[in-house]
Amino acid sequence: MKITFVTSNRAKFRGAREILGGYGIRLARKEADLQEIQSLDVKEVALDKAIRAGRDIGGAFIVDDSGFYIKAMNGFPGALLKMTHASIGDRGILAMCRGRPLKAAFASVLVFSRPGYIKSVAFSMAIEGRLAGSPRGTRDVGWAVQRIFVPAGYNKTIAQLDNSEWKRFWGHFKVASHYAKLGRWLAWKGMC
């Protein structure tokens, strides 16, 4: 099965292609920077992006939206992460949280649609963790919060993980990700 991933994020595309390739799915990328509604809820944003993308795509496609939820900030910046991070960066996000509990979660929602489907199908995932005290690390995996997010079970930010730690983290991500959930669902439906 061939699916088009409508995204301007090359890192998301590479990860999705690797994971979905394991299910026999060929992934193509359509460069698009879809206008996003202003909402903290990544599912709401992803579903709206799917409607916008569906106007231009003739076959099966996916869209993805991610957010970063800081518990002490009532879920802010949520799906507004890209804009918030571009405006104030790692240090600004950490400054807003100074003196507050550091619990946080990275969340993503993937929406699959194709012609003939009445409704799109959404798959979600979340990675629990906490904020670091300061930006740390140099590994670039394409996540805006890679230098300030410490996933549960680790004592380092994503950007600090060495190669073996990254392989372990990525291995867990691949199995639990929304991309893998889509792959399993398509296999169950007999579409791949």
N, C-alpha and C. Protein backbone atom coordinates (compact mmCIF):
# COMPACT_ATOMS: atom_id res chain seq x y z
N MET A 1 0.84 -1.17 0.00
CA MET A 1 0.00 0.00 0.00
C MET A 1 0.88 1.23 0.00
N LYS A 2 0.48 2.24 -0.75
CA LYS A 2 1.20 3.51 -0.79
C LYS A 2 0.35 4.56 -0.08
N ILE A 3 1.00 5.32 0.80
CA ILE A 3 0.35 6.39 1.55
C ILE A 3 1.19 7.65 1.40
N THR A 4 0.54 8.78 1.26
CA THR A 4 1.23 10.07 1.21
C THR A 4 1.19 10.70 2.60
N PHE A 5 2.34 11.08 3.08
CA PHE A 5 2.44 11.79 4.36
C PHE A 5 2.51 13.27 4.02
N VAL A 6 1.49 14.01 4.39
CA VAL A 6 1.44 15.44 4.11
C VAL A 6 2.11 16.15 5.30
N THR A 7 3.36 16.58 5.07
CA THR A 7 4.14 17.20 6.14
C THR A 7 5.27 18.03 5.58
N SER A 8 5.65 19.05 6.30
CA SER A 8 6.84 19.82 5.96
C SER A 8 8.02 19.39 6.83
N ASN A 9 7.79 18.47 7.77
CA ASN A 9 8.80 18.03 8.72
C ASN A 9 9.51 16.78 8.20
N ARG A 10 10.74 16.95 7.74
CA ARG A 10 11.49 15.83 7.18
C ARG A 10 11.82 14.76 8.23
N ALA A 11 12.08 15.19 9.45
CA ALA A 11 12.41 14.22 10.51
C ALA A 11 11.22 13.31 10.80
N LYS A 12 10.01 13.89 10.87
CA LYS A 12 8.81 13.07 11.08
C LYS A 12 8.64 12.08 9.93
N PHE A 13 8.89 12.55 8.71
CA PHE A 13 8.74 11.68 7.55
C PHE A 13 9.72 10.50 7.61
N ARG A 14 10.99 10.78 7.92
CA ARG A 14 11.99 9.70 7.99
C ARG A 14 11.60 8.65 9.03
N GLY A 15 11.17 9.11 10.21
CA GLY A 15 10.76 8.16 11.25
C GLY A 15 9.55 7.35 10.84
N ALA A 16 8.55 8.02 10.28
CA ALA A 16 7.33 7.33 9.85
C ALA A 16 7.64 6.32 8.74
N ARG A 17 8.49 6.71 7.80
CA ARG A 17 8.84 5.81 6.69
C ARG A 17 9.53 4.56 7.21
N GLU A 18 10.42 4.72 8.19
CA GLU A 18 11.12 3.56 8.76
C GLU A 18 10.12 2.63 9.45
N ILE A 19 9.24 3.18 10.26
CA ILE A 19 8.30 2.36 11.02
C ILE A 19 7.27 1.71 10.10
N LEU A 20 6.65 2.48 9.24
CA LEU A 20 5.60 1.94 8.37
C LEU A 20 6.16 1.00 7.31
N GLY A 21 7.43 1.18 6.93
CA GLY A 21 8.07 0.26 5.99
C GLY A 21 8.08 -1.16 6.53
N GLY A 22 8.15 -1.30 7.85
CA GLY A 22 8.11 -2.62 8.48
C GLY A 22 6.78 -3.32 8.30
N TYR A 23 5.77 -2.60 7.89
CA TYR A 23 4.44 -3.18 7.63
C TYR A 23 4.16 -3.29 6.12
N GLY A 24 5.19 -3.07 5.32
CA GLY A 24 5.03 -3.15 3.87
C GLY A 24 4.36 -1.93 3.26
N ILE A 25 4.34 -0.83 3.99
CA ILE A 25 3.70 0.39 3.50
C ILE A 25 4.77 1.29 2.89
N ARG A 26 4.53 1.72 1.67
CA ARG A 26 5.42 2.66 1.00
C ARG A 26 4.91 4.06 1.30
N LEU A 27 5.79 4.89 1.84
CA LEU A 27 5.40 6.23 2.24
C LEU A 27 6.03 7.25 1.31
N ALA A 28 5.21 8.12 0.76
CA ALA A 28 5.67 9.25 -0.04
C ALA A 28 5.41 10.51 0.78
N ARG A 29 6.15 11.57 0.49
CA ARG A 29 5.95 12.81 1.23
C ARG A 29 5.49 13.90 0.30
N LYS A 30 4.48 14.62 0.75
CA LYS A 30 4.03 15.82 0.04
C LYS A 30 4.36 16.99 0.95
N GLU A 31 5.23 17.85 0.46
CA GLU A 31 5.62 19.04 1.21
C GLU A 31 4.42 19.95 1.36
N ALA A 32 4.05 20.22 2.57
CA ALA A 32 2.94 21.13 2.82
C ALA A 32 3.07 21.69 4.22
N ASP A 33 2.81 22.93 4.34
CA ASP A 33 2.77 23.57 5.65
C ASP A 33 1.32 24.00 5.84
N LEU A 34 0.51 23.05 6.28
CA LEU A 34 -0.92 23.29 6.39
C LEU A 34 -1.23 24.32 7.48
N GLN A 35 -2.13 25.20 7.18
CA GLN A 35 -2.57 26.16 8.18
C GLN A 35 -3.21 25.38 9.32
N GLU A 36 -2.89 25.77 10.54
CA GLU A 36 -3.40 25.05 11.70
C GLU A 36 -4.34 25.93 12.51
N ILE A 37 -5.42 25.31 12.98
CA ILE A 37 -6.30 26.02 13.90
C ILE A 37 -5.55 26.23 15.21
N GLN A 38 -5.95 27.20 15.96
CA GLN A 38 -5.30 27.50 17.25
C GLN A 38 -6.02 26.73 18.35
N SER A 39 -5.38 25.69 18.82
CA SER A 39 -5.94 24.84 19.86
C SER A 39 -4.78 24.17 20.59
N LEU A 40 -4.96 23.89 21.86
CA LEU A 40 -3.97 23.11 22.60
C LEU A 40 -4.07 21.62 22.29
N ASP A 41 -5.21 21.18 21.77
CA ASP A 41 -5.54 19.77 21.56
C ASP A 41 -4.98 19.27 20.23
N VAL A 42 -3.95 18.40 20.28
CA VAL A 42 -3.33 17.90 19.05
C VAL A 42 -4.30 17.10 18.20
N LYS A 43 -5.24 16.40 18.81
CA LYS A 43 -6.21 15.63 18.01
C LYS A 43 -7.10 16.57 17.20
N GLU A 44 -7.56 17.62 17.83
CA GLU A 44 -8.40 18.60 17.14
C GLU A 44 -7.64 19.23 15.97
N VAL A 45 -6.39 19.56 16.19
CA VAL A 45 -5.57 20.16 15.13
C VAL A 45 -5.32 19.15 14.01
N ALA A 46 -4.98 17.91 14.37
CA ALA A 46 -4.69 16.89 13.36
C ALA A 46 -5.93 16.58 12.51
N LEU A 47 -7.09 16.48 13.13
CA LEU A 47 -8.32 16.20 12.37
C LEU A 47 -8.63 17.35 11.41
N ASP A 48 -8.43 18.57 11.85
CA ASP A 48 -8.65 19.72 10.98
C ASP A 48 -7.64 19.74 9.83
N LYS A 49 -6.38 19.40 10.12
CA LYS A 49 -5.36 19.32 9.07
C LYS A 49 -5.74 18.26 8.04
N ALA A 50 -6.32 17.16 8.49
CA ALA A 50 -6.72 16.10 7.55
C ALA A 50 -7.79 16.61 6.60
N ILE A 51 -8.72 17.39 7.09
CA ILE A 51 -9.75 17.96 6.21
C ILE A 51 -9.10 18.85 5.17
N ARG A 52 -8.17 19.70 5.60
CA ARG A 52 -7.49 20.61 4.67
C ARG A 52 -6.65 19.84 3.65
N ALA A 53 -5.91 18.83 4.12
CA ALA A 53 -5.06 18.04 3.22
C ALA A 53 -5.89 17.23 2.24
N GLY A 54 -7.04 16.73 2.68
CA GLY A 54 -7.88 15.90 1.83
C GLY A 54 -8.40 16.60 0.60
N ARG A 55 -8.39 17.91 0.62
CA ARG A 55 -8.85 18.68 -0.55
C ARG A 55 -7.88 18.56 -1.72
N ASP A 56 -6.61 18.23 -1.43
CA ASP A 56 -5.58 18.20 -2.47
C ASP A 56 -5.01 16.82 -2.76
N ILE A 57 -5.37 15.82 -1.97
CA ILE A 57 -4.78 14.49 -2.11
C ILE A 57 -5.80 13.54 -2.72
N GLY A 58 -5.38 12.78 -3.73
CA GLY A 58 -6.30 11.87 -4.39
C GLY A 58 -6.34 10.47 -3.80
N GLY A 59 -5.30 10.07 -3.08
CA GLY A 59 -5.25 8.72 -2.53
C GLY A 59 -5.17 8.73 -1.02
N ALA A 60 -4.73 7.60 -0.47
CA ALA A 60 -4.59 7.48 0.98
C ALA A 60 -3.51 8.42 1.47
N PHE A 61 -3.77 9.06 2.61
CA PHE A 61 -2.78 9.98 3.16
C PHE A 61 -2.85 10.00 4.68
N ILE A 62 -1.79 10.53 5.28
CA ILE A 62 -1.75 10.76 6.71
C ILE A 62 -1.28 12.18 6.98
N VAL A 63 -1.73 12.71 8.10
CA VAL A 63 -1.20 13.94 8.67
C VAL A 63 -0.90 13.65 10.14
N ASP A 64 -0.06 14.45 10.72
CA ASP A 64 0.39 14.22 12.08
C ASP A 64 0.47 15.57 12.77
N ASP A 65 0.11 15.62 14.02
CA ASP A 65 0.35 16.82 14.81
C ASP A 65 0.87 16.40 16.17
N SER A 66 1.82 17.17 16.67
CA SER A 66 2.44 16.87 17.95
C SER A 66 2.32 18.06 18.88
N GLY A 67 2.39 17.76 20.15
CA GLY A 67 2.35 18.82 21.14
C GLY A 67 3.13 18.44 22.37
N PHE A 68 3.37 19.44 23.20
CA PHE A 68 4.11 19.25 24.43
C PHE A 68 3.28 19.81 25.56
N TYR A 69 2.92 18.96 26.49
CA TYR A 69 1.99 19.32 27.55
C TYR A 69 2.71 19.40 28.89
N ILE A 70 2.75 20.61 29.44
CA ILE A 70 3.38 20.83 30.74
C ILE A 70 2.27 20.89 31.78
N LYS A 71 2.29 19.93 32.69
CA LYS A 71 1.20 19.80 33.65
C LYS A 71 0.97 21.07 34.46
N ALA A 72 2.03 21.68 34.97
CA ALA A 72 1.89 22.88 35.80
C ALA A 72 1.39 24.09 35.02
N MET A 73 1.41 24.00 33.70
CA MET A 73 0.95 25.11 32.86
C MET A 73 -0.41 24.78 32.24
N ASN A 74 -1.15 23.86 32.86
CA ASN A 74 -2.47 23.43 32.37
C ASN A 74 -2.41 22.94 30.92
N GLY A 75 -1.31 22.26 30.58
CA GLY A 75 -1.19 21.69 29.25
C GLY A 75 -0.55 22.59 28.21
N PHE A 76 -0.24 23.82 28.57
CA PHE A 76 0.43 24.71 27.61
C PHE A 76 1.86 24.24 27.42
N PRO A 77 2.45 24.32 26.25
CA PRO A 77 1.94 24.90 25.01
C PRO A 77 1.09 23.96 24.16
N GLY A 78 0.99 22.67 24.54
CA GLY A 78 0.16 21.74 23.77
C GLY A 78 0.51 21.78 22.30
N ALA A 79 -0.52 21.84 21.46
CA ALA A 79 -0.32 21.86 20.01
C ALA A 79 0.26 23.18 19.51
N LEU A 80 0.39 24.14 20.40
CA LEU A 80 1.00 25.43 20.02
C LEU A 80 2.51 25.40 20.20
N LEU A 81 3.09 24.21 20.33
CA LEU A 81 4.51 24.05 20.59
C LEU A 81 5.38 24.70 19.52
N LYS A 82 5.11 24.45 18.27
CA LYS A 82 5.97 24.96 17.18
C LYS A 82 6.07 26.48 17.26
N MET A 83 4.95 27.14 17.41
CA MET A 83 4.92 28.60 17.49
C MET A 83 5.58 29.08 18.78
N THR A 84 5.27 28.44 19.90
CA THR A 84 5.85 28.84 21.18
C THR A 84 7.35 28.67 21.17
N HIS A 85 7.82 27.51 20.69
CA HIS A 85 9.26 27.24 20.68
C HIS A 85 9.98 28.20 19.74
N ALA A 86 9.37 28.51 18.60
CA ALA A 86 9.99 29.46 17.67
C ALA A 86 10.08 30.85 18.29
N SER A 87 9.14 31.20 19.14
CA SER A 87 9.11 32.53 19.75
C SER A 87 10.05 32.67 20.94
N ILE A 88 10.02 31.69 21.86
CA ILE A 88 10.78 31.87 23.11
C ILE A 88 11.85 30.80 23.34
N GLY A 89 11.85 29.74 22.55
CA GLY A 89 12.89 28.72 22.64
C GLY A 89 12.86 27.91 23.92
N ASP A 90 13.88 27.08 24.06
CA ASP A 90 14.00 26.20 25.23
C ASP A 90 14.04 26.99 26.54
N ARG A 91 14.87 27.99 26.57
CA ARG A 91 15.04 28.76 27.81
C ARG A 91 13.77 29.50 28.20
N GLY A 92 13.04 30.00 27.23
CA GLY A 92 11.78 30.69 27.53
C GLY A 92 10.75 29.75 28.10
N ILE A 93 10.66 28.55 27.53
CA ILE A 93 9.71 27.55 28.05
C ILE A 93 10.08 27.18 29.49
N LEU A 94 11.38 26.97 29.74
CA LEU A 94 11.81 26.63 31.09
C LEU A 94 11.58 27.79 32.06
N ALA A 95 11.78 29.03 31.60
CA ALA A 95 11.58 30.20 32.47
C ALA A 95 10.11 30.32 32.89
N MET A 96 9.19 30.00 31.99
CA MET A 96 7.76 30.06 32.32
C MET A 96 7.41 29.07 33.43
N CYS A 97 8.19 28.01 33.53
CA CYS A 97 7.88 26.94 34.48
C CYS A 97 8.71 27.01 35.75
N ARG A 98 9.57 27.98 35.86
CA ARG A 98 10.45 28.07 37.03
C ARG A 98 9.65 28.04 38.33
N GLY A 99 10.08 27.19 39.23
CA GLY A 99 9.42 27.09 40.52
C GLY A 99 8.17 26.22 40.53
N ARG A 100 7.86 25.60 39.42
CA ARG A 100 6.67 24.75 39.33
C ARG A 100 7.10 23.30 39.13
N PRO A 101 6.20 22.34 39.40
CA PRO A 101 6.53 20.93 39.12
C PRO A 101 6.87 20.75 37.64
N LEU A 102 7.76 19.84 37.37
CA LEU A 102 8.31 19.72 36.02
C LEU A 102 7.69 18.61 35.17
N LYS A 103 6.58 18.00 35.62
CA LYS A 103 5.97 16.92 34.83
C LYS A 103 5.53 17.44 33.47
N ALA A 104 5.81 16.63 32.43
CA ALA A 104 5.45 17.02 31.07
C ALA A 104 5.23 15.75 30.24
N ALA A 105 4.60 15.93 29.10
CA ALA A 105 4.40 14.80 28.18
C ALA A 105 4.45 15.32 26.75
N PHE A 106 5.05 14.51 25.90
CA PHE A 106 5.06 14.76 24.47
C PHE A 106 3.95 13.90 23.89
N ALA A 107 3.07 14.47 23.09
CA ALA A 107 1.94 13.71 22.53
C ALA A 107 1.81 13.97 21.04
N SER A 108 1.37 12.95 20.32
CA SER A 108 1.15 13.06 18.87
C SER A 108 -0.13 12.35 18.48
N VAL A 109 -0.76 12.86 17.45
CA VAL A 109 -1.93 12.22 16.85
C VAL A 109 -1.69 12.14 15.35
N LEU A 110 -1.92 10.96 14.82
CA LEU A 110 -1.79 10.67 13.40
C LEU A 110 -3.19 10.41 12.86
N VAL A 111 -3.52 11.02 11.73
CA VAL A 111 -4.83 10.82 11.11
C VAL A 111 -4.62 10.19 9.75
N PHE A 112 -5.32 9.08 9.51
CA PHE A 112 -5.30 8.38 8.22
C PHE A 112 -6.63 8.61 7.52
N SER A 113 -6.57 8.88 6.22
CA SER A 113 -7.79 9.03 5.44
C SER A 113 -7.52 8.55 4.02
N ARG A 114 -8.57 8.21 3.35
CA ARG A 114 -8.46 7.84 1.93
C ARG A 114 -9.81 8.04 1.28
N PRO A 115 -9.82 8.21 -0.05
CA PRO A 115 -11.09 8.38 -0.74
C PRO A 115 -12.03 7.21 -0.45
N GLY A 116 -13.28 7.52 -0.25
CA GLY A 116 -14.27 6.49 0.03
C GLY A 116 -14.53 6.28 1.51
N TYR A 117 -13.62 6.78 2.37
CA TYR A 117 -13.84 6.69 3.81
C TYR A 117 -14.75 7.84 4.23
N ILE A 118 -15.74 7.53 5.01
CA ILE A 118 -16.63 8.57 5.50
C ILE A 118 -15.93 9.40 6.58
N LYS A 119 -15.18 8.72 7.44
CA LYS A 119 -14.47 9.39 8.53
C LYS A 119 -12.99 9.05 8.46
N SER A 120 -12.18 9.97 8.93
CA SER A 120 -10.76 9.69 9.10
C SER A 120 -10.59 8.86 10.36
N VAL A 121 -9.45 8.17 10.46
CA VAL A 121 -9.15 7.35 11.61
C VAL A 121 -7.93 7.96 12.31
N ALA A 122 -8.03 8.15 13.62
CA ALA A 122 -6.94 8.78 14.37
C ALA A 122 -6.26 7.78 15.30
N PHE A 123 -4.94 7.92 15.41
CA PHE A 123 -4.12 7.10 16.29
C PHE A 123 -3.27 8.05 17.13
N SER A 124 -3.18 7.77 18.43
CA SER A 124 -2.44 8.69 19.29
C SER A 124 -1.36 7.97 20.08
N MET A 125 -0.45 8.75 20.60
CA MET A 125 0.62 8.24 21.46
C MET A 125 1.06 9.36 22.39
N ALA A 126 1.63 8.98 23.52
CA ALA A 126 2.18 9.96 24.45
C ALA A 126 3.43 9.39 25.11
N ILE A 127 4.37 10.26 25.38
CA ILE A 127 5.58 9.90 26.10
C ILE A 127 5.63 10.78 27.34
N GLU A 128 5.51 10.16 28.49
CA GLU A 128 5.56 10.89 29.76
C GLU A 128 7.01 11.21 30.10
N GLY A 129 7.18 12.24 30.89
CA GLY A 129 8.52 12.61 31.33
C GLY A 129 8.49 13.87 32.16
N ARG A 130 9.59 14.61 32.08
CA ARG A 130 9.70 15.85 32.84
C ARG A 130 10.60 16.82 32.10
N LEU A 131 10.51 18.07 32.52
CA LEU A 131 11.40 19.10 31.98
C LEU A 131 12.76 19.01 32.66
N ALA A 132 13.81 19.27 31.92
CA ALA A 132 15.15 19.38 32.49
C ALA A 132 15.27 20.75 33.14
N GLY A 133 16.25 20.92 34.00
CA GLY A 133 16.46 22.21 34.64
C GLY A 133 17.02 23.25 33.69
N SER A 134 17.71 22.79 32.64
CA SER A 134 18.28 23.69 31.63
C SER A 134 18.42 22.90 30.33
N PRO A 135 18.53 23.59 29.18
CA PRO A 135 18.73 22.88 27.92
C PRO A 135 20.05 22.11 27.95
N ARG A 136 19.98 20.84 27.49
CA ARG A 136 21.18 20.00 27.51
C ARG A 136 21.21 19.09 26.30
N GLY A 137 22.41 18.89 25.75
CA GLY A 137 22.62 17.92 24.70
C GLY A 137 22.70 18.50 23.31
N THR A 138 23.21 17.66 22.38
CA THR A 138 23.43 18.10 21.00
C THR A 138 22.76 17.21 19.96
N ARG A 139 22.26 16.04 20.35
CA ARG A 139 21.64 15.13 19.38
C ARG A 139 20.43 15.83 18.76
N ASP A 140 20.35 15.79 17.44
CA ASP A 140 19.22 16.43 16.75
C ASP A 140 18.35 15.35 16.12
N VAL A 141 17.16 15.16 16.72
CA VAL A 141 16.23 14.16 16.19
C VAL A 141 14.99 14.83 15.58
N GLY A 142 14.99 16.16 15.53
CA GLY A 142 13.90 16.88 14.89
C GLY A 142 12.74 17.21 15.82
N TRP A 143 12.91 17.02 17.12
CA TRP A 143 11.86 17.36 18.09
C TRP A 143 12.21 18.72 18.69
N ALA A 144 11.28 19.62 18.73
CA ALA A 144 11.53 20.95 19.26
C ALA A 144 12.01 20.90 20.70
N VAL A 145 11.54 19.95 21.48
CA VAL A 145 11.87 19.91 22.91
C VAL A 145 12.97 18.91 23.25
N GLN A 146 13.74 18.47 22.28
CA GLN A 146 14.74 17.42 22.49
C GLN A 146 15.80 17.80 23.52
N ARG A 147 16.07 19.09 23.71
CA ARG A 147 17.10 19.53 24.66
C ARG A 147 16.55 19.80 26.06
N ILE A 148 15.21 19.80 26.23
CA ILE A 148 14.65 20.10 27.55
C ILE A 148 13.71 19.02 28.08
N PHE A 149 13.48 17.95 27.31
CA PHE A 149 12.55 16.90 27.73
C PHE A 149 13.32 15.64 28.12
N VAL A 150 13.07 15.18 29.34
CA VAL A 150 13.66 13.95 29.86
C VAL A 150 12.55 12.90 29.90
N PRO A 151 12.59 11.90 29.01
CA PRO A 151 11.54 10.88 29.01
C PRO A 151 11.58 10.05 30.30
N ALA A 152 10.42 9.57 30.73
CA ALA A 152 10.34 8.70 31.91
C ALA A 152 11.27 7.51 31.72
N GLY A 153 11.99 7.16 32.77
CA GLY A 153 12.92 6.03 32.71
C GLY A 153 14.33 6.44 32.32
N TYR A 154 14.54 7.73 32.03
CA TYR A 154 15.86 8.24 31.64
C TYR A 154 16.23 9.38 32.58
N ASN A 155 17.53 9.63 32.68
CA ASN A 155 18.03 10.77 33.47
C ASN A 155 18.63 11.83 32.56
N LYS A 156 18.45 11.68 31.26
CA LYS A 156 19.03 12.60 30.28
C LYS A 156 17.92 13.12 29.37
N THR A 157 18.18 14.29 28.78
CA THR A 157 17.26 14.77 27.75
C THR A 157 17.43 13.89 26.52
N ILE A 158 16.49 13.96 25.62
CA ILE A 158 16.59 13.20 24.37
C ILE A 158 17.87 13.58 23.63
N ALA A 159 18.23 14.85 23.66
CA ALA A 159 19.42 15.32 22.95
C ALA A 159 20.72 14.84 23.61
N GLN A 160 20.67 14.35 24.84
CA GLN A 160 21.86 13.85 25.53
C GLN A 160 22.07 12.36 25.37
N LEU A 161 21.09 11.65 24.87
CA LEU A 161 21.20 10.19 24.80
C LEU A 161 22.35 9.78 23.90
N ASP A 162 23.17 8.84 24.39
CA ASP A 162 24.24 8.32 23.54
C ASP A 162 23.61 7.32 22.55
N ASN A 163 24.41 6.77 21.66
CA ASN A 163 23.86 5.92 20.60
C ASN A 163 23.10 4.71 21.14
N SER A 164 23.62 4.04 22.16
CA SER A 164 22.91 2.86 22.67
C SER A 164 21.62 3.27 23.39
N GLU A 165 21.65 4.38 24.12
CA GLU A 165 20.43 4.86 24.77
C GLU A 165 19.39 5.29 23.73
N TRP A 166 19.86 5.95 22.67
CA TRP A 166 18.96 6.38 21.60
C TRP A 166 18.32 5.17 20.93
N LYS A 167 19.11 4.13 20.66
CA LYS A 167 18.57 2.92 20.03
C LYS A 167 17.48 2.29 20.91
N ARG A 168 17.72 2.27 22.22
CA ARG A 168 16.72 1.71 23.15
C ARG A 168 15.46 2.59 23.14
N PHE A 169 15.63 3.90 23.23
CA PHE A 169 14.49 4.82 23.22
C PHE A 169 13.73 4.70 21.90
N TRP A 170 14.44 4.72 20.78
CA TRP A 170 13.81 4.64 19.46
C TRP A 170 13.12 3.29 19.28
N GLY A 171 13.70 2.22 19.81
CA GLY A 171 13.07 0.90 19.73
C GLY A 171 11.74 0.87 20.44
N HIS A 172 11.67 1.47 21.62
CA HIS A 172 10.38 1.55 22.34
C HIS A 172 9.41 2.45 21.59
N PHE A 173 9.91 3.56 21.07
CA PHE A 173 9.06 4.50 20.34
C PHE A 173 8.44 3.80 19.12
N LYS A 174 9.27 3.05 18.38
CA LYS A 174 8.79 2.39 17.17
C LYS A 174 7.61 1.45 17.45
N VAL A 175 7.67 0.73 18.55
CA VAL A 175 6.63 -0.23 18.89
C VAL A 175 5.36 0.47 19.38
N ALA A 176 5.52 1.52 20.18
CA ALA A 176 4.37 2.19 20.81
C ALA A 176 3.82 3.36 20.00
N SER A 177 4.51 3.73 18.94
CA SER A 177 4.15 4.95 18.22
C SER A 177 2.81 4.86 17.51
N HIS A 178 2.28 6.00 17.21
CA HIS A 178 1.05 6.09 16.44
C HIS A 178 1.25 5.55 15.02
N TYR A 179 2.48 5.62 14.52
CA TYR A 179 2.77 5.04 13.20
C TYR A 179 2.62 3.52 13.24
N ALA A 180 3.16 2.90 14.29
CA ALA A 180 3.03 1.45 14.44
C ALA A 180 1.57 1.05 14.63
N LYS A 181 0.83 1.86 15.37
CA LYS A 181 -0.60 1.57 15.56
C LYS A 181 -1.33 1.60 14.22
N LEU A 182 -1.00 2.57 13.37
CA LEU A 182 -1.57 2.62 12.02
C LEU A 182 -1.18 1.37 11.23
N GLY A 183 0.09 1.00 11.26
CA GLY A 183 0.55 -0.18 10.53
C GLY A 183 -0.18 -1.44 10.95
N ARG A 184 -0.34 -1.63 12.26
CA ARG A 184 -1.05 -2.81 12.76
C ARG A 184 -2.52 -2.78 12.35
N TRP A 185 -3.13 -1.61 12.39
CA TRP A 185 -4.54 -1.47 12.01
C TRP A 185 -4.72 -1.78 10.52
N LEU A 186 -3.85 -1.25 9.68
CA LEU A 186 -3.95 -1.52 8.24
C LEU A 186 -3.74 -2.99 7.95
N ALA A 187 -2.80 -3.63 8.66
CA ALA A 187 -2.58 -5.07 8.49
C ALA A 187 -3.82 -5.85 8.92
N TRP A 188 -4.42 -5.48 10.03
CA TRP A 188 -5.65 -6.13 10.52
C TRP A 188 -6.78 -5.98 9.52
N LYS A 189 -6.85 -4.82 8.88
CA LYS A 189 -7.90 -4.56 7.87
C LYS A 189 -7.58 -5.22 6.53
N GLY A 190 -6.37 -5.80 6.42
CA GLY A 190 -5.96 -6.44 5.16
C GLY A 190 -5.61 -5.45 4.06
N MET A 191 -5.19 -4.25 4.46
CA MET A 191 -4.86 -3.23 3.46
C MET A 191 -3.38 -3.15 3.14
N CYS A 192 -2.57 -3.91 3.86
CA CYS A 192 -1.13 -3.89 3.53
C CYS A 192 -0.56 -5.29 3.64
